[in-house]
Amino acid sequence: AAYGLSPEEALSAVDSNNNINTINNNKRVGTTSVPKPLSSLAPEMAPLLPDLKRESQENISPPLPTLDLRTALRLQRRLLEEYRSSDFEAASRVLDSEWQRQMPEPTLEEKMRNIEDLCFERVLSHILVEFGFPSDRKGVTQMKAALAQHLPTSPEARKLQVETSAAVMVGFKL
């Protein structure tokens, strides 16, 4: 769903056994085990761990931006507003018309890449910085992750996610 998360991507939860469960339509559709910490796998290495942690932290980029629920909902509403704008709708129609004239017609994968590019150029590159994310593709990934943390627990976040994905896609004939 363009730069929105699909329902399949969006809903996951960590269970009591520290497994990540992927949820689709309120049914668990997949489970991924979370790796155990190094200290539990090799207790004899525990004395070395502080040094390993310090060395690895020196090479780690700054922490990813996080959003509280209120800010996440504000971001989703802002995205929805932009994707429903006449400017974005007009740009969507132009892109869809270009596809109709191309011979051969682009594949679905090519069309989805075009839609992602349009979303980035017309909406995301401008809004990301307003919410503390880099204005690049990495910022898009960070934004998706920050929004995804609220989807399992917030019906409003899930509703806005669906509305945003629909608003992006309304101008296209796939």
Protein backbone atom coordinates (compact mmCIF):
# COMPACT_ATOMS: atom_id res chain seq x y z
CA ALA A 1 0.00 0.00 0.00
CA ALA A 2 2.49 2.56 -1.24
CA TYR A 3 4.15 4.24 1.73
CA GLY A 4 1.49 3.09 4.13
CA LEU A 5 1.86 -0.23 5.84
CA SER A 6 -0.32 -3.05 4.63
CA PRO A 7 -2.50 -4.67 7.28
CA GLU A 8 -0.26 -7.73 7.03
CA GLU A 9 2.85 -5.65 7.79
CA ALA A 10 1.20 -3.48 10.33
CA LEU A 11 -0.05 -5.76 13.01
CA SER A 12 2.40 -7.76 15.04
CA ALA A 13 2.69 -8.45 18.72
CA VAL A 14 5.28 -10.03 20.99
CA ASP A 15 3.82 -12.90 22.99
CA SER A 16 4.88 -14.16 26.44
CA ASN A 17 7.44 -16.51 24.86
CA ASN A 18 9.14 -13.54 23.21
CA ASN A 19 7.88 -14.50 19.74
CA ILE A 20 6.68 -11.91 17.25
CA ASN A 21 3.22 -12.86 15.98
CA THR A 22 1.99 -11.42 12.71
CA ILE A 23 -1.73 -10.68 12.87
CA ASN A 24 -4.09 -10.41 9.88
CA ASN A 25 -7.84 -9.94 10.38
CA ASN A 26 -7.43 -10.74 14.09
CA LYS A 27 -5.88 -14.15 13.30
CA ARG A 28 -2.27 -15.07 13.88
CA VAL A 29 -0.74 -15.86 10.50
CA GLY A 30 2.92 -16.19 11.39
CA THR A 31 5.36 -16.40 14.28
CA THR A 32 8.99 -15.36 14.36
CA SER A 33 11.24 -16.23 17.29
CA VAL A 34 13.14 -13.34 18.78
CA PRO A 35 16.84 -14.19 19.22
CA LYS A 36 17.98 -14.69 22.80
CA PRO A 37 20.48 -12.20 24.18
CA LEU A 38 24.12 -13.16 23.72
CA SER A 39 24.60 -13.34 27.50
CA SER A 40 22.02 -16.13 27.80
CA LEU A 41 23.60 -18.13 24.97
CA ALA A 42 27.18 -17.94 26.19
CA PRO A 43 27.35 -17.16 29.94
CA GLU A 44 31.13 -17.57 29.91
CA MET A 45 31.29 -14.52 27.64
CA ALA A 46 29.37 -12.31 30.07
CA PRO A 47 32.51 -10.54 31.35
CA LEU A 48 33.30 -9.47 27.77
CA LEU A 49 29.84 -8.13 26.97
CA PRO A 50 30.28 -4.60 28.35
CA ASP A 51 33.28 -4.14 26.03
CA LEU A 52 31.37 -5.57 23.08
CA LYS A 53 28.41 -3.31 23.81
CA ARG A 54 30.59 -0.22 24.08
CA GLU A 55 32.44 -1.02 20.83
CA SER A 56 29.22 -1.71 18.95
CA GLN A 57 27.58 1.47 20.26
CA GLU A 58 30.42 3.54 18.86
CA ASN A 59 29.47 2.32 15.37
CA ILE A 60 25.70 2.69 15.77
CA SER A 61 23.79 5.54 14.20
CA PRO A 62 21.61 7.75 16.40
CA PRO A 63 18.44 6.18 17.81
CA LEU A 64 15.46 5.99 15.50
CA PRO A 65 12.79 8.62 16.05
CA THR A 66 9.79 7.35 17.98
CA LEU A 67 6.33 8.81 18.14
CA ASP A 68 3.87 8.82 21.00
CA LEU A 69 0.36 7.84 19.97
CA ARG A 70 -0.90 11.42 19.82
CA THR A 71 1.93 12.46 17.49
CA ALA A 72 1.56 9.29 15.38
CA LEU A 73 -2.13 10.07 14.86
CA ARG A 74 -1.29 13.66 13.97
CA LEU A 75 1.23 12.40 11.39
CA GLN A 76 -1.32 9.99 9.92
CA ARG A 77 -3.92 12.74 9.66
CA ARG A 78 -1.38 15.02 7.97
CA LEU A 79 -0.51 12.31 5.44
CA LEU A 80 -4.18 11.64 4.79
CA GLU A 81 -4.80 15.34 4.20
CA GLU A 82 -1.97 15.53 1.66
CA TYR A 83 -2.97 12.34 -0.15
CA ARG A 84 -6.53 13.68 -0.47
CA SER A 85 -5.32 17.04 -1.79
CA SER A 86 -6.19 18.13 -5.31
CA ASP A 87 -2.46 18.40 -6.08
CA PHE A 88 -1.79 14.75 -5.25
CA GLU A 89 -4.97 13.58 -6.98
CA ALA A 90 -4.01 15.49 -10.15
CA ALA A 91 -0.48 14.05 -10.08
CA SER A 92 -1.97 10.56 -9.64
CA ARG A 93 -4.20 11.02 -12.69
CA VAL A 94 -1.25 12.23 -14.77
CA LEU A 95 0.82 9.19 -13.79
CA ASP A 96 -2.08 6.83 -14.50
CA SER A 97 -2.55 8.45 -17.96
CA GLU A 98 1.15 8.01 -18.69
CA TRP A 99 0.82 4.29 -17.97
CA GLN A 100 -2.12 4.00 -20.36
CA ARG A 101 -0.05 5.49 -23.20
CA GLN A 102 3.03 3.31 -22.62
CA MET A 103 3.56 0.29 -24.82
CA PRO A 104 3.90 -2.19 -23.38
CA GLU A 105 1.99 -1.16 -20.29
CA PRO A 106 4.19 -1.16 -17.15
CA THR A 107 4.04 -4.19 -14.89
CA LEU A 108 2.27 -3.98 -11.55
CA GLU A 109 5.66 -3.89 -9.82
CA GLU A 110 6.75 -0.93 -11.96
CA LYS A 111 3.49 0.86 -11.25
CA MET A 112 3.88 0.34 -7.50
CA ARG A 113 7.44 1.75 -7.65
CA ASN A 114 6.08 4.76 -9.59
CA ILE A 115 3.41 5.28 -6.92
CA GLU A 116 6.02 5.08 -4.15
CA ASP A 117 8.14 7.64 -5.99
CA LEU A 118 5.14 9.93 -6.41
CA CYS A 119 4.28 9.62 -2.70
CA PHE A 120 7.84 10.46 -1.75
CA GLU A 121 8.20 13.41 -4.12
CA ARG A 122 4.79 15.00 -3.54
CA VAL A 123 4.11 14.25 0.13
CA LEU A 124 6.61 12.34 2.23
CA SER A 125 9.78 14.31 1.48
CA HIS A 126 8.08 17.40 2.91
CA ILE A 127 6.23 15.88 5.86
CA LEU A 128 8.96 13.59 7.22
CA VAL A 129 11.05 16.47 8.56
CA GLU A 130 8.04 17.99 10.32
CA PHE A 131 7.98 14.88 12.52
CA GLY A 132 11.72 14.46 13.09
CA PHE A 133 12.55 11.99 10.34
CA PRO A 134 15.20 12.41 7.65
CA SER A 135 13.75 13.59 4.34
CA ASP A 136 14.97 10.55 2.42
CA ARG A 137 14.07 6.91 1.83
CA LYS A 138 15.60 5.95 5.16
CA GLY A 139 13.23 8.41 6.82
CA VAL A 140 10.30 6.67 5.15
CA THR A 141 11.41 3.35 6.64
CA GLN A 142 11.82 4.96 10.06
CA MET A 143 8.39 6.58 9.82
CA LYS A 144 6.76 3.26 8.94
CA ALA A 145 8.41 1.60 11.92
CA ALA A 146 7.38 4.42 14.28
CA LEU A 147 3.76 4.23 13.10
CA ALA A 148 3.68 0.42 13.17
CA GLN A 149 4.30 0.33 16.91
CA HIS A 150 0.83 1.85 17.50
CA LEU A 151 -1.19 -0.29 15.09
CA PRO A 152 -1.66 -3.32 17.37
CA THR A 153 -3.13 -1.21 20.18
CA SER A 154 -4.86 1.72 18.50
CA PRO A 155 -8.03 1.20 16.46
CA GLU A 156 -7.81 4.83 15.34
CA ALA A 157 -4.26 4.32 14.03
CA ARG A 158 -5.41 1.24 12.10
CA LYS A 159 -8.39 3.13 10.67
CA LEU A 160 -6.21 6.04 9.56
CA GLN A 161 -3.73 3.60 8.02
CA VAL A 162 -6.44 2.03 5.87
CA GLU A 163 -7.84 5.43 4.89
CA THR A 164 -4.38 6.69 3.96
CA SER A 165 -3.63 3.66 1.79
CA ALA A 166 -7.01 4.05 0.06
CA ALA A 167 -6.40 7.78 -0.53
CA VAL A 168 -3.05 7.02 -2.18
CA MET A 169 -4.53 4.41 -4.50
CA VAL A 170 -7.81 6.11 -5.49
CA GLY A 171 -6.39 7.83 -8.56
CA PHE A 172 -4.97 4.69 -10.16
CA LYS A 173 -6.37 1.96 -12.38
CA LEU A 174 -4.19 -1.03 -11.63
